[in-house]
Amino acid sequence: MTISKPKLKLAGTDGNAFALLGAALRTGKKAGWTNEQVEEFKVRATKSDYDHLLRTLQHYFDAE
């Protein structure tokens, strides 16, 4: 599935995995992602460990 890569500002965000995931989900929704796209991201991002979460964030977002 192809989705837009919205900008996600990580600088200044709590590095906690839950905080990063929450920021990403809010950003995706604000960017107009469908519920299916949001759910796909969430499933992929939470599939493994913290490093996997960061790689997934970089895949789906233009992380700053």
N, C-alpha and C. Protein backbone atom coordinates (compact mmCIF):
# COMPACT_ATOMS: atom_id res chain seq x y z
N MET A 1 0.84 -1.17 0.00
CA MET A 1 0.00 0.00 0.00
C MET A 1 0.89 1.24 0.00
N THR A 2 0.53 2.22 -0.80
CA THR A 2 1.27 3.46 -0.88
C THR A 2 0.53 4.53 -0.10
N ILE A 3 1.23 5.17 0.80
CA ILE A 3 0.62 6.26 1.56
C ILE A 3 1.57 7.45 1.53
N SER A 4 1.00 8.62 1.83
CA SER A 4 1.84 9.80 1.89
C SER A 4 2.77 9.69 3.10
N LYS A 5 3.91 10.35 3.02
CA LYS A 5 4.87 10.34 4.12
C LYS A 5 4.82 11.70 4.81
N PRO A 6 3.94 11.83 5.79
CA PRO A 6 3.85 13.12 6.49
C PRO A 6 5.09 13.38 7.34
N LYS A 7 5.34 14.65 7.61
CA LYS A 7 6.46 15.04 8.47
C LYS A 7 6.10 14.70 9.91
N LEU A 8 7.05 14.08 10.60
CA LEU A 8 6.88 13.73 12.01
C LEU A 8 8.06 14.30 12.77
N LYS A 9 7.79 15.27 13.64
CA LYS A 9 8.86 15.90 14.41
C LYS A 9 9.16 15.04 15.63
N LEU A 10 10.33 14.44 15.66
CA LEU A 10 10.73 13.60 16.78
C LEU A 10 11.58 14.37 17.78
N ALA A 11 12.28 15.39 17.32
CA ALA A 11 13.11 16.20 18.21
C ALA A 11 12.22 16.84 19.27
N GLY A 12 12.59 16.67 20.52
CA GLY A 12 11.81 17.24 21.61
C GLY A 12 10.68 16.35 22.08
N THR A 13 10.45 15.23 21.37
CA THR A 13 9.41 14.29 21.78
C THR A 13 10.01 13.31 22.78
N ASP A 14 9.24 12.95 23.77
CA ASP A 14 9.66 11.92 24.73
C ASP A 14 10.06 10.69 23.93
N GLY A 15 11.20 10.10 24.22
CA GLY A 15 11.70 8.94 23.49
C GLY A 15 11.02 7.64 23.85
N ASN A 16 10.08 7.70 24.77
CA ASN A 16 9.31 6.53 25.16
C ASN A 16 8.58 5.98 23.94
N ALA A 17 8.58 4.66 23.77
CA ALA A 17 7.95 4.03 22.60
C ALA A 17 6.47 4.41 22.49
N PHE A 18 5.77 4.47 23.61
CA PHE A 18 4.35 4.80 23.57
C PHE A 18 4.12 6.25 23.13
N ALA A 19 5.00 7.14 23.57
CA ALA A 19 4.89 8.55 23.17
C ALA A 19 5.16 8.69 21.67
N LEU A 20 6.18 7.99 21.17
CA LEU A 20 6.50 8.05 19.75
C LEU A 20 5.36 7.48 18.91
N LEU A 21 4.82 6.35 19.35
CA LEU A 21 3.71 5.72 18.64
C LEU A 21 2.49 6.64 18.63
N GLY A 22 2.18 7.25 19.76
CA GLY A 22 1.05 8.17 19.83
C GLY A 22 1.21 9.36 18.91
N ALA A 23 2.42 9.93 18.89
CA ALA A 23 2.68 11.08 18.01
C ALA A 23 2.52 10.67 16.55
N ALA A 24 3.02 9.49 16.22
CA ALA A 24 2.92 9.01 14.84
C ALA A 24 1.46 8.77 14.45
N LEU A 25 0.69 8.16 15.32
CA LEU A 25 -0.72 7.90 15.01
C LEU A 25 -1.50 9.20 14.83
N ARG A 26 -1.26 10.17 15.69
CA ARG A 26 -1.93 11.48 15.55
C ARG A 26 -1.53 12.15 14.24
N THR A 27 -0.25 12.08 13.91
CA THR A 27 0.24 12.71 12.68
C THR A 27 -0.36 12.04 11.45
N GLY A 28 -0.41 10.70 11.44
CA GLY A 28 -1.00 9.98 10.32
C GLY A 28 -2.46 10.34 10.13
N LYS A 29 -3.20 10.41 11.23
CA LYS A 29 -4.63 10.77 11.14
C LYS A 29 -4.80 12.20 10.62
N LYS A 30 -3.96 13.13 11.13
CA LYS A 30 -4.04 14.51 10.67
C LYS A 30 -3.69 14.62 9.19
N ALA A 31 -2.84 13.71 8.70
CA ALA A 31 -2.43 13.71 7.29
C ALA A 31 -3.49 13.08 6.39
N GLY A 32 -4.56 12.56 6.99
CA GLY A 32 -5.64 12.02 6.19
C GLY A 32 -5.56 10.53 5.92
N TRP A 33 -4.71 9.81 6.66
CA TRP A 33 -4.67 8.37 6.49
C TRP A 33 -6.03 7.76 6.82
N THR A 34 -6.37 6.72 6.10
CA THR A 34 -7.61 6.00 6.40
C THR A 34 -7.41 5.17 7.67
N ASN A 35 -8.52 4.69 8.23
CA ASN A 35 -8.41 3.83 9.41
C ASN A 35 -7.58 2.59 9.10
N GLU A 36 -7.71 2.07 7.88
CA GLU A 36 -6.94 0.89 7.46
C GLU A 36 -5.45 1.20 7.45
N GLN A 37 -5.07 2.36 6.95
CA GLN A 37 -3.67 2.76 6.90
C GLN A 37 -3.10 2.95 8.31
N VAL A 38 -3.88 3.58 9.18
CA VAL A 38 -3.45 3.79 10.56
C VAL A 38 -3.24 2.44 11.24
N GLU A 39 -4.18 1.53 11.06
CA GLU A 39 -4.09 0.21 11.69
C GLU A 39 -2.89 -0.57 11.13
N GLU A 40 -2.66 -0.49 9.83
CA GLU A 40 -1.51 -1.18 9.23
C GLU A 40 -0.21 -0.67 9.84
N PHE A 41 -0.09 0.64 9.94
CA PHE A 41 1.11 1.21 10.56
C PHE A 41 1.27 0.72 11.98
N LYS A 42 0.19 0.77 12.76
CA LYS A 42 0.25 0.38 14.17
C LYS A 42 0.68 -1.07 14.34
N VAL A 43 0.12 -1.95 13.52
CA VAL A 43 0.48 -3.38 13.59
C VAL A 43 1.96 -3.57 13.25
N ARG A 44 2.41 -2.93 12.19
CA ARG A 44 3.81 -3.08 11.79
C ARG A 44 4.76 -2.47 12.81
N ALA A 45 4.40 -1.32 13.34
CA ALA A 45 5.29 -0.61 14.27
C ALA A 45 5.44 -1.34 15.60
N THR A 46 4.41 -2.06 16.02
CA THR A 46 4.44 -2.72 17.32
C THR A 46 4.77 -4.20 17.23
N LYS A 47 5.25 -4.62 16.09
CA LYS A 47 5.53 -6.04 15.83
C LYS A 47 6.76 -6.56 16.58
N SER A 48 7.67 -5.68 16.94
CA SER A 48 8.94 -6.15 17.50
C SER A 48 9.42 -5.19 18.59
N ASP A 49 10.69 -4.86 18.56
CA ASP A 49 11.30 -4.06 19.62
C ASP A 49 11.37 -2.57 19.25
N TYR A 50 12.02 -1.82 20.13
CA TYR A 50 12.14 -0.37 19.98
C TYR A 50 12.85 0.02 18.68
N ASP A 51 13.92 -0.68 18.35
CA ASP A 51 14.64 -0.38 17.10
C ASP A 51 13.75 -0.60 15.88
N HIS A 52 12.94 -1.64 15.92
CA HIS A 52 11.98 -1.89 14.83
C HIS A 52 10.98 -0.74 14.73
N LEU A 53 10.51 -0.26 15.87
CA LEU A 53 9.59 0.88 15.89
C LEU A 53 10.22 2.08 15.20
N LEU A 54 11.47 2.38 15.53
CA LEU A 54 12.15 3.52 14.92
C LEU A 54 12.31 3.36 13.41
N ARG A 55 12.67 2.15 12.98
CA ARG A 55 12.80 1.90 11.54
C ARG A 55 11.44 2.05 10.83
N THR A 56 10.39 1.58 11.48
CA THR A 56 9.05 1.69 10.90
C THR A 56 8.63 3.16 10.81
N LEU A 57 8.94 3.93 11.84
CA LEU A 57 8.64 5.37 11.80
C LEU A 57 9.34 6.03 10.61
N GLN A 58 10.57 5.66 10.38
CA GLN A 58 11.32 6.25 9.27
C GLN A 58 10.77 5.81 7.92
N HIS A 59 10.20 4.61 7.86
CA HIS A 59 9.62 4.11 6.63
C HIS A 59 8.32 4.86 6.27
N TYR A 60 7.50 5.12 7.27
CA TYR A 60 6.18 5.70 7.04
C TYR A 60 6.15 7.22 7.12
N PHE A 61 7.17 7.82 7.77
CA PHE A 61 7.15 9.27 8.00
C PHE A 61 8.45 9.90 7.53
N ASP A 62 8.36 11.19 7.23
CA ASP A 62 9.53 12.01 6.99
C ASP A 62 9.93 12.52 8.36
N ALA A 63 10.69 11.71 9.09
CA ALA A 63 11.01 12.00 10.49
C ALA A 63 12.10 13.07 10.58
N GLU A 64 11.84 14.05 11.42
CA GLU A 64 12.79 15.15 11.63
C GLU A 64 13.38 15.04 13.01
